[in-house]
């Protein structure tokens, strides 16, 4: 799932929560729940997490992965700028900590990929398991182009919810 979708869902959580700690935990949990929804990036995940960085680089796939992550990060940054410039509630600790919890698993997974730290491996394994949970049950993922469209629709819906809630 795009980090922007995770951040938008976490924004709603933070807006409706009174405790920064609870907002962080709920943002974290929401990440895993959203990642369970098949969203077309199963093969990208297998390629990225199933290979060493040097192997991805040798096969010319590292640039594609970096591009995908960079575009995702750029849209996240644009969403956060939009959010913090246009909504007073976004400056609350609960919203900020919910967003941190909502996007943290993706950063930890990327950090694990770069460092291969044994300390981060259990968390990354949980993250990957949640990504594969329903895809494994259905034994298939949706095509990436439909997954991207679904996430754009979902993001639009979440932004609408942010406005009305």
N, C-alpha and C. Protein backbone atom coordinates (compact mmCIF):
# COMPACT_ATOMS: atom_id res chain seq x y z
N UNK A 1 0.86 -1.17 0.00
CA UNK A 1 0.00 0.00 0.00
C UNK A 1 0.90 1.23 0.00
N UNK A 2 0.51 2.26 -0.74
CA UNK A 2 1.30 3.49 -0.75
C UNK A 2 1.39 4.08 0.65
N UNK A 3 2.52 4.67 0.98
CA UNK A 3 2.67 5.30 2.30
C UNK A 3 1.66 6.44 2.48
N UNK A 4 1.29 7.08 1.38
CA UNK A 4 0.32 8.17 1.46
C UNK A 4 -1.03 7.66 1.96
N UNK A 5 -1.42 6.48 1.53
CA UNK A 5 -2.67 5.87 1.99
C UNK A 5 -2.56 5.58 3.49
N UNK A 6 -1.44 5.04 3.90
CA UNK A 6 -1.23 4.77 5.33
C UNK A 6 -1.29 6.06 6.14
N UNK A 7 -0.67 7.11 5.63
CA UNK A 7 -0.67 8.39 6.34
C UNK A 7 -2.07 8.99 6.42
N UNK A 8 -2.85 8.86 5.35
CA UNK A 8 -4.21 9.40 5.36
C UNK A 8 -5.09 8.65 6.36
N UNK A 9 -4.99 7.34 6.36
CA UNK A 9 -5.77 6.55 7.33
C UNK A 9 -5.34 6.90 8.76
N UNK A 10 -4.05 7.06 8.96
CA UNK A 10 -3.54 7.41 10.29
C UNK A 10 -3.98 8.81 10.70
N UNK A 11 -4.12 9.70 9.75
CA UNK A 11 -4.60 11.06 10.04
C UNK A 11 -5.99 11.00 10.66
N UNK A 12 -6.84 10.18 10.09
CA UNK A 12 -8.20 10.02 10.61
C UNK A 12 -8.16 9.45 12.03
N UNK A 13 -7.29 8.48 12.23
CA UNK A 13 -7.13 7.87 13.57
C UNK A 13 -6.66 8.93 14.56
N UNK A 14 -5.64 9.68 14.19
CA UNK A 14 -5.10 10.71 15.08
C UNK A 14 -6.09 11.81 15.38
N UNK A 15 -6.92 12.11 14.41
CA UNK A 15 -7.94 13.15 14.59
C UNK A 15 -9.00 12.73 15.60
N UNK A 16 -9.22 11.44 15.71
CA UNK A 16 -10.28 10.91 16.58
C UNK A 16 -9.76 10.30 17.87
N UNK A 17 -8.47 10.43 18.14
CA UNK A 17 -7.86 9.82 19.32
C UNK A 17 -7.36 10.92 20.26
N UNK A 18 -7.44 10.68 21.55
CA UNK A 18 -7.01 11.68 22.53
C UNK A 18 -5.61 11.43 23.08
N UNK A 19 -5.05 10.27 22.84
CA UNK A 19 -3.75 9.92 23.39
C UNK A 19 -2.74 9.72 22.25
N UNK A 20 -1.60 10.39 22.35
CA UNK A 20 -0.56 10.25 21.33
C UNK A 20 -0.05 8.81 21.26
N UNK A 21 0.12 8.18 22.43
CA UNK A 21 0.60 6.79 22.45
C UNK A 21 -0.42 5.87 21.77
N UNK A 22 -1.69 6.02 22.12
CA UNK A 22 -2.74 5.20 21.50
C UNK A 22 -2.82 5.48 20.00
N UNK A 23 -2.68 6.73 19.62
CA UNK A 23 -2.71 7.09 18.19
C UNK A 23 -1.57 6.40 17.44
N UNK A 24 -0.38 6.39 18.05
CA UNK A 24 0.77 5.71 17.44
C UNK A 24 0.48 4.22 17.26
N UNK A 25 -0.01 3.58 18.31
CA UNK A 25 -0.30 2.14 18.25
C UNK A 25 -1.38 1.85 17.21
N UNK A 26 -2.45 2.64 17.21
CA UNK A 26 -3.53 2.42 16.24
C UNK A 26 -3.06 2.71 14.82
N UNK A 27 -2.19 3.71 14.64
CA UNK A 27 -1.62 3.97 13.33
C UNK A 27 -0.79 2.79 12.85
N UNK A 28 0.00 2.21 13.75
CA UNK A 28 0.81 1.03 13.45
C UNK A 28 -0.08 -0.15 13.06
N UNK A 29 -1.11 -0.40 13.85
CA UNK A 29 -2.03 -1.50 13.57
C UNK A 29 -2.75 -1.27 12.23
N UNK A 30 -3.14 -0.03 11.98
CA UNK A 30 -3.84 0.27 10.71
C UNK A 30 -2.95 -0.04 9.51
N UNK A 31 -1.65 0.16 9.67
CA UNK A 31 -0.73 -0.16 8.58
C UNK A 31 -0.84 -1.63 8.19
N UNK A 32 -0.80 -2.49 9.19
CA UNK A 32 -0.85 -3.92 8.93
C UNK A 32 -2.20 -4.35 8.37
N UNK A 33 -3.26 -3.75 8.85
CA UNK A 33 -4.60 -4.08 8.33
C UNK A 33 -4.71 -3.66 6.87
N UNK A 34 -4.26 -2.46 6.54
CA UNK A 34 -4.31 -2.00 5.15
C UNK A 34 -3.42 -2.84 4.24
N UNK A 35 -2.27 -3.25 4.76
CA UNK A 35 -1.37 -4.06 3.94
C UNK A 35 -1.94 -5.45 3.63
N UNK A 36 -2.89 -5.89 4.42
CA UNK A 36 -3.52 -7.19 4.15
C UNK A 36 -4.38 -7.14 2.88
N UNK A 37 -4.86 -5.97 2.52
CA UNK A 37 -5.70 -5.83 1.32
C UNK A 37 -4.81 -6.03 0.09
N UNK A 38 -5.12 -6.98 -0.78
CA UNK A 38 -4.31 -7.15 -1.99
C UNK A 38 -4.29 -5.84 -2.80
N UNK A 39 -3.07 -5.39 -3.13
CA UNK A 39 -2.97 -4.12 -3.83
C UNK A 39 -1.94 -4.14 -4.97
N UNK A 40 -1.65 -5.30 -5.47
CA UNK A 40 -0.91 -5.42 -6.72
C UNK A 40 0.60 -5.37 -6.66
N UNK A 41 1.18 -5.25 -5.49
CA UNK A 41 2.63 -5.13 -5.44
C UNK A 41 3.33 -6.38 -4.89
N UNK A 42 2.62 -7.50 -4.93
CA UNK A 42 3.18 -8.76 -4.41
C UNK A 42 4.50 -9.10 -5.09
N UNK A 43 4.53 -9.01 -6.41
CA UNK A 43 5.75 -9.37 -7.14
C UNK A 43 6.88 -8.39 -6.85
N UNK A 44 6.55 -7.11 -6.74
CA UNK A 44 7.58 -6.12 -6.38
C UNK A 44 8.16 -6.44 -5.01
N UNK A 45 7.29 -6.79 -4.06
CA UNK A 45 7.75 -7.13 -2.72
C UNK A 45 8.64 -8.37 -2.71
N UNK A 46 8.22 -9.38 -3.47
CA UNK A 46 9.04 -10.60 -3.55
C UNK A 46 10.39 -10.30 -4.16
N UNK A 47 10.39 -9.47 -5.20
CA UNK A 47 11.65 -9.13 -5.86
C UNK A 47 12.55 -8.35 -4.91
N UNK A 48 11.97 -7.35 -4.24
CA UNK A 48 12.76 -6.49 -3.36
C UNK A 48 13.27 -7.24 -2.15
N UNK A 49 12.39 -7.94 -1.45
CA UNK A 49 12.79 -8.59 -0.20
C UNK A 49 13.40 -9.97 -0.42
N UNK A 50 13.21 -10.53 -1.59
CA UNK A 50 13.74 -11.86 -1.86
C UNK A 50 15.14 -11.87 -2.42
N UNK A 51 15.71 -10.71 -2.65
CA UNK A 51 17.04 -10.62 -3.26
C UNK A 51 17.92 -9.65 -2.48
N UNK A 52 19.20 -9.92 -2.52
CA UNK A 52 20.17 -9.00 -1.93
C UNK A 52 20.24 -7.76 -2.83
N UNK A 53 20.59 -6.63 -2.24
CA UNK A 53 20.67 -5.39 -3.00
C UNK A 53 21.65 -5.53 -4.17
N UNK A 54 22.77 -6.20 -3.93
CA UNK A 54 23.76 -6.35 -5.03
C UNK A 54 23.18 -7.16 -6.18
N UNK A 55 22.31 -8.14 -5.89
CA UNK A 55 21.68 -8.93 -6.95
C UNK A 55 20.66 -8.08 -7.72
N UNK A 56 19.90 -7.26 -7.00
CA UNK A 56 18.95 -6.36 -7.65
C UNK A 56 19.69 -5.39 -8.57
N UNK A 57 20.81 -4.89 -8.08
CA UNK A 57 21.61 -3.95 -8.87
C UNK A 57 22.17 -4.63 -10.11
N UNK A 58 22.67 -5.84 -9.94
CA UNK A 58 23.26 -6.58 -11.06
C UNK A 58 22.22 -6.87 -12.15
N UNK A 59 20.98 -7.11 -11.74
CA UNK A 59 19.91 -7.41 -12.71
C UNK A 59 19.20 -6.15 -13.19
N UNK A 60 19.63 -4.97 -12.73
CA UNK A 60 19.03 -3.72 -13.17
C UNK A 60 17.68 -3.43 -12.53
N UNK A 61 17.34 -4.15 -11.46
CA UNK A 61 16.03 -3.97 -10.83
C UNK A 61 16.06 -2.97 -9.68
N UNK A 62 17.25 -2.64 -9.19
CA UNK A 62 17.35 -1.73 -8.05
C UNK A 62 16.85 -0.34 -8.42
N UNK A 63 17.13 0.11 -9.64
CA UNK A 63 16.67 1.43 -10.06
C UNK A 63 15.14 1.50 -10.09
N UNK A 64 14.50 0.44 -10.55
CA UNK A 64 13.04 0.40 -10.58
C UNK A 64 12.48 0.47 -9.16
N UNK A 65 13.07 -0.29 -8.24
CA UNK A 65 12.63 -0.28 -6.85
C UNK A 65 12.84 1.10 -6.23
N UNK A 66 13.99 1.70 -6.53
CA UNK A 66 14.28 3.04 -5.99
C UNK A 66 13.30 4.07 -6.56
N UNK A 67 12.97 3.95 -7.83
CA UNK A 67 12.02 4.86 -8.45
C UNK A 67 10.64 4.71 -7.80
N UNK A 68 10.19 3.49 -7.62
CA UNK A 68 8.90 3.23 -6.99
C UNK A 68 8.85 3.82 -5.59
N UNK A 69 9.90 3.59 -4.81
CA UNK A 69 9.97 4.14 -3.45
C UNK A 69 10.07 5.65 -3.44
N UNK A 70 10.80 6.22 -4.39
CA UNK A 70 10.94 7.68 -4.46
C UNK A 70 9.62 8.35 -4.82
N UNK A 71 8.89 7.78 -5.76
CA UNK A 71 7.59 8.34 -6.13
C UNK A 71 6.64 8.25 -4.95
N UNK A 72 6.63 7.12 -4.28
CA UNK A 72 5.79 6.94 -3.10
C UNK A 72 6.15 7.98 -2.03
N UNK A 73 7.44 8.19 -1.79
CA UNK A 73 7.88 9.17 -0.79
C UNK A 73 7.54 10.60 -1.20
N UNK A 74 7.64 10.90 -2.49
CA UNK A 74 7.29 12.23 -2.99
C UNK A 74 5.81 12.53 -2.75
N UNK A 75 4.94 11.57 -3.06
CA UNK A 75 3.51 11.77 -2.83
C UNK A 75 3.20 11.88 -1.33
N UNK A 76 3.91 11.12 -0.52
CA UNK A 76 3.75 11.24 0.93
C UNK A 76 4.12 12.65 1.37
N UNK A 77 5.24 13.16 0.90
CA UNK A 77 5.67 14.52 1.28
C UNK A 77 4.64 15.56 0.83
N UNK A 78 4.10 15.41 -0.38
CA UNK A 78 3.09 16.36 -0.86
C UNK A 78 1.82 16.28 -0.01
N UNK A 79 1.42 15.07 0.37
CA UNK A 79 0.24 14.91 1.22
C UNK A 79 0.47 15.57 2.57
N UNK A 80 1.64 15.34 3.16
CA UNK A 80 1.93 15.92 4.47
C UNK A 80 1.97 17.45 4.41
N UNK A 81 2.56 18.00 3.35
CA UNK A 81 2.55 19.46 3.18
C UNK A 81 1.12 19.98 3.07
N UNK A 82 0.31 19.32 2.26
CA UNK A 82 -1.10 19.70 2.11
C UNK A 82 -1.80 19.64 3.47
N UNK A 83 -1.60 18.58 4.18
CA UNK A 83 -2.26 18.36 5.46
C UNK A 83 -1.87 19.43 6.49
N UNK A 84 -0.57 19.64 6.67
CA UNK A 84 -0.11 20.55 7.71
C UNK A 84 -0.30 22.02 7.36
N UNK A 85 -0.43 22.33 6.08
CA UNK A 85 -0.67 23.73 5.69
C UNK A 85 -2.15 24.09 5.72
N UNK A 86 -3.04 23.10 5.62
CA UNK A 86 -4.46 23.39 5.44
C UNK A 86 -5.36 23.00 6.60
N UNK A 87 -4.85 22.24 7.56
CA UNK A 87 -5.70 21.77 8.65
C UNK A 87 -5.02 22.02 9.99
N UNK A 88 -5.66 22.79 10.82
CA UNK A 88 -5.11 23.09 12.15
C UNK A 88 -4.96 21.82 12.99
N UNK A 89 -5.93 20.89 12.86
CA UNK A 89 -5.87 19.66 13.67
C UNK A 89 -4.63 18.83 13.38
N UNK A 90 -4.03 19.02 12.21
CA UNK A 90 -2.86 18.21 11.82
C UNK A 90 -1.66 18.49 12.70
N UNK A 91 -1.66 19.62 13.38
CA UNK A 91 -0.54 19.97 14.26
C UNK A 91 -0.62 19.31 15.63
N UNK A 92 -1.66 18.56 15.88
CA UNK A 92 -1.79 17.92 17.19
C UNK A 92 -0.84 16.72 17.29
N UNK A 93 -0.42 16.45 18.51
CA UNK A 93 0.47 15.30 18.75
C UNK A 93 -0.17 13.99 18.30
N UNK A 94 -1.48 13.88 18.51
CA UNK A 94 -2.13 12.60 18.17
C UNK A 94 -2.08 12.34 16.67
N UNK A 95 -2.27 13.37 15.86
CA UNK A 95 -2.21 13.17 14.39
C UNK A 95 -0.78 12.85 13.97
N UNK A 96 0.17 13.60 14.49
CA UNK A 96 1.58 13.37 14.13
C UNK A 96 2.00 11.95 14.51
N UNK A 97 1.70 11.51 15.74
CA UNK A 97 2.13 10.19 16.18
C UNK A 97 1.36 9.07 15.47
N UNK A 98 0.12 9.31 15.12
CA UNK A 98 -0.63 8.31 14.34
C UNK A 98 0.03 8.14 12.97
N UNK A 99 0.42 9.24 12.34
CA UNK A 99 1.07 9.16 11.03
C UNK A 99 2.42 8.45 11.16
N UNK A 100 3.18 8.77 12.19
CA UNK A 100 4.47 8.08 12.40
C UNK A 100 4.23 6.57 12.52
N UNK A 101 3.26 6.18 13.34
CA UNK A 101 2.95 4.76 13.46
C UNK A 101 2.45 4.16 12.15
N UNK A 102 1.70 4.94 11.39
CA UNK A 102 1.13 4.44 10.14
C UNK A 102 2.15 4.20 9.04
N UNK A 103 3.23 4.96 9.03
CA UNK A 103 4.22 4.79 7.96
C UNK A 103 5.50 4.08 8.43
N UNK A 104 5.66 3.94 9.73
CA UNK A 104 6.88 3.34 10.28
C UNK A 104 7.21 1.95 9.73
N UNK A 105 6.25 1.04 9.58
CA UNK A 105 6.62 -0.29 9.08
C UNK A 105 7.32 -0.27 7.72
N UNK A 106 6.93 0.63 6.84
CA UNK A 106 7.60 0.69 5.54
C UNK A 106 9.03 1.19 5.68
N UNK A 107 9.26 2.15 6.57
CA UNK A 107 10.62 2.63 6.79
C UNK A 107 11.49 1.57 7.45
N UNK A 108 10.92 0.85 8.40
CA UNK A 108 11.68 -0.22 9.05
C UNK A 108 12.03 -1.31 8.04
N UNK A 109 11.09 -1.66 7.17
CA UNK A 109 11.36 -2.69 6.15
C UNK A 109 12.47 -2.23 5.21
N UNK A 110 12.44 -0.97 4.80
CA UNK A 110 13.49 -0.45 3.92
C UNK A 110 14.84 -0.41 4.64
N UNK A 111 14.81 0.00 5.90
CA UNK A 111 16.04 0.04 6.70
C UNK A 111 16.62 -1.37 6.86
N UNK A 112 15.73 -2.33 7.08
CA UNK A 112 16.19 -3.72 7.19
C UNK A 112 16.85 -4.16 5.87
N UNK A 113 16.24 -3.80 4.76
CA UNK A 113 16.77 -4.21 3.46
C UNK A 113 18.18 -3.65 3.26
N UNK A 114 18.40 -2.44 3.69
CA UNK A 114 19.71 -1.80 3.51
C UNK A 114 20.72 -2.34 4.51
N UNK A 115 20.31 -2.55 5.77
CA UNK A 115 21.26 -2.93 6.82
C UNK A 115 21.32 -4.43 7.10
N UNK A 116 20.22 -5.14 6.79
CA UNK A 116 20.07 -6.55 7.13
C UNK A 116 20.29 -6.80 8.62
N UNK A 117 19.87 -5.83 9.42
CA UNK A 117 20.01 -5.93 10.87
C UNK A 117 19.13 -7.05 11.42
N UNK A 118 19.73 -7.93 12.21
CA UNK A 118 18.97 -9.03 12.82
C UNK A 118 17.91 -8.50 13.78
N UNK A 119 18.14 -7.32 14.33
CA UNK A 119 17.18 -6.70 15.23
C UNK A 119 15.88 -6.33 14.51
N UNK A 120 15.97 -5.95 13.24
CA UNK A 120 14.80 -5.53 12.46
C UNK A 120 14.12 -6.68 11.73
N UNK A 121 14.77 -7.82 11.65
CA UNK A 121 14.25 -8.94 10.87
C UNK A 121 12.88 -9.43 11.35
N UNK A 122 12.64 -9.63 12.64
CA UNK A 122 11.30 -10.11 13.07
C UNK A 122 10.18 -9.15 12.69
N UNK A 123 10.42 -7.86 12.84
CA UNK A 123 9.40 -6.88 12.47
C UNK A 123 9.16 -6.90 10.97
N UNK A 124 10.23 -7.00 10.19
CA UNK A 124 10.11 -7.05 8.73
C UNK A 124 9.41 -8.33 8.30
N UNK A 125 9.68 -9.44 8.96
CA UNK A 125 8.97 -10.68 8.65
C UNK A 125 7.47 -10.55 8.91
N UNK A 126 7.11 -9.90 10.01
CA UNK A 126 5.69 -9.66 10.30
C UNK A 126 5.07 -8.79 9.22
N UNK A 127 5.78 -7.75 8.82
CA UNK A 127 5.30 -6.84 7.78
C UNK A 127 5.06 -7.60 6.47
N UNK A 128 6.02 -8.41 6.08
CA UNK A 128 5.90 -9.19 4.84
C UNK A 128 4.76 -10.21 4.96
N UNK A 129 4.62 -10.84 6.13
CA UNK A 129 3.54 -11.80 6.35
C UNK A 129 2.18 -11.13 6.16
N UNK A 130 2.01 -9.94 6.72
CA UNK A 130 0.73 -9.24 6.60
C UNK A 130 0.46 -8.87 5.14
N UNK A 131 1.49 -8.48 4.42
CA UNK A 131 1.33 -8.20 2.98
C UNK A 131 0.82 -9.43 2.24
N UNK A 132 1.31 -10.57 2.60
CA UNK A 132 0.99 -11.80 1.88
C UNK A 132 -0.23 -12.54 2.42
N UNK A 133 -0.79 -12.09 3.53
CA UNK A 133 -1.82 -12.87 4.20
C UNK A 133 -3.00 -13.20 3.28
N UNK A 134 -3.71 -12.22 2.78
CA UNK A 134 -4.87 -12.50 1.92
C UNK A 134 -4.45 -12.94 0.52
N UNK A 135 -3.34 -12.40 0.03
CA UNK A 135 -2.83 -12.84 -1.27
C UNK A 135 -2.54 -14.33 -1.22
N UNK A 136 -1.98 -14.79 -0.10
CA UNK A 136 -1.70 -16.22 0.09
C UNK A 136 -2.97 -17.04 0.18
N UNK A 137 -3.97 -16.50 0.85
CA UNK A 137 -5.25 -17.22 0.97
C UNK A 137 -5.93 -17.36 -0.39
N UNK A 138 -5.89 -16.28 -1.19
CA UNK A 138 -6.52 -16.30 -2.51
C UNK A 138 -5.61 -16.90 -3.58
N UNK A 139 -4.33 -17.08 -3.23
CA UNK A 139 -3.32 -17.63 -4.12
C UNK A 139 -3.06 -16.77 -5.36
N UNK A 140 -3.42 -15.50 -5.27
CA UNK A 140 -3.14 -14.57 -6.36
C UNK A 140 -3.25 -13.13 -5.86
N UNK A 141 -2.60 -12.25 -6.55
CA UNK A 141 -2.70 -10.82 -6.27
C UNK A 141 -3.40 -10.17 -7.45
N UNK A 142 -3.88 -8.96 -7.27
CA UNK A 142 -4.47 -8.25 -8.40
C UNK A 142 -3.33 -7.65 -9.22
N UNK A 143 -3.55 -7.38 -10.50
CA UNK A 143 -2.50 -6.74 -11.31
C UNK A 143 -2.11 -5.38 -10.72
N UNK A 144 -0.84 -5.02 -10.86
CA UNK A 144 -0.33 -3.78 -10.29
C UNK A 144 -1.11 -2.57 -10.75
N UNK A 145 -1.47 -2.50 -12.02
CA UNK A 145 -2.19 -1.31 -12.52
C UNK A 145 -3.54 -1.15 -11.82
N UNK A 146 -4.22 -2.26 -11.52
CA UNK A 146 -5.49 -2.18 -10.79
C UNK A 146 -5.26 -1.86 -9.32
N UNK A 147 -4.15 -2.35 -8.79
CA UNK A 147 -3.80 -2.04 -7.41
C UNK A 147 -3.52 -0.55 -7.23
N UNK A 148 -2.83 0.04 -8.20
CA UNK A 148 -2.54 1.48 -8.15
C UNK A 148 -3.85 2.26 -8.25
N UNK A 149 -4.72 1.88 -9.18
CA UNK A 149 -6.02 2.55 -9.31
C UNK A 149 -6.86 2.42 -8.04
N UNK A 150 -6.85 1.25 -7.45
CA UNK A 150 -7.59 1.01 -6.21
C UNK A 150 -7.06 1.91 -5.09
N UNK A 151 -5.75 2.04 -5.02
CA UNK A 151 -5.15 2.87 -3.97
C UNK A 151 -5.44 4.36 -4.20
N UNK A 152 -5.46 4.78 -5.45
CA UNK A 152 -5.81 6.17 -5.76
C UNK A 152 -7.26 6.44 -5.34
N UNK A 153 -8.15 5.52 -5.64
CA UNK A 153 -9.54 5.65 -5.23
C UNK A 153 -9.64 5.68 -3.71
N UNK A 154 -8.93 4.77 -3.05
CA UNK A 154 -8.95 4.68 -1.59
C UNK A 154 -8.40 5.97 -0.97
N UNK A 155 -7.33 6.51 -1.56
CA UNK A 155 -6.74 7.74 -1.06
C UNK A 155 -7.73 8.90 -1.19
N UNK A 156 -8.40 8.97 -2.32
CA UNK A 156 -9.42 10.00 -2.54
C UNK A 156 -10.52 9.91 -1.49
N UNK A 157 -10.96 8.70 -1.22
CA UNK A 157 -11.99 8.46 -0.21
C UNK A 157 -11.50 8.89 1.17
N UNK A 158 -10.27 8.55 1.52
CA UNK A 158 -9.73 8.91 2.83
C UNK A 158 -9.60 10.43 2.99
N UNK A 159 -9.17 11.12 1.94
CA UNK A 159 -9.07 12.59 2.00
C UNK A 159 -10.46 13.19 2.20
N UNK A 160 -11.45 12.64 1.54
CA UNK A 160 -12.83 13.09 1.72
C UNK A 160 -13.25 12.89 3.17
N UNK A 161 -12.91 11.75 3.74
CA UNK A 161 -13.24 11.47 5.16
C UNK A 161 -12.53 12.48 6.06
N UNK A 162 -11.27 12.79 5.75
CA UNK A 162 -10.52 13.78 6.56
C UNK A 162 -11.28 15.11 6.58
N UNK A 163 -11.83 15.49 5.45
CA UNK A 163 -12.58 16.75 5.38
C UNK A 163 -13.86 16.72 6.21
N UNK A 164 -14.58 15.60 6.21
CA UNK A 164 -15.90 15.60 6.84
C UNK A 164 -15.92 15.13 8.28
N UNK A 165 -14.89 14.42 8.73
CA UNK A 165 -14.90 13.88 10.10
C UNK A 165 -14.35 14.89 11.07
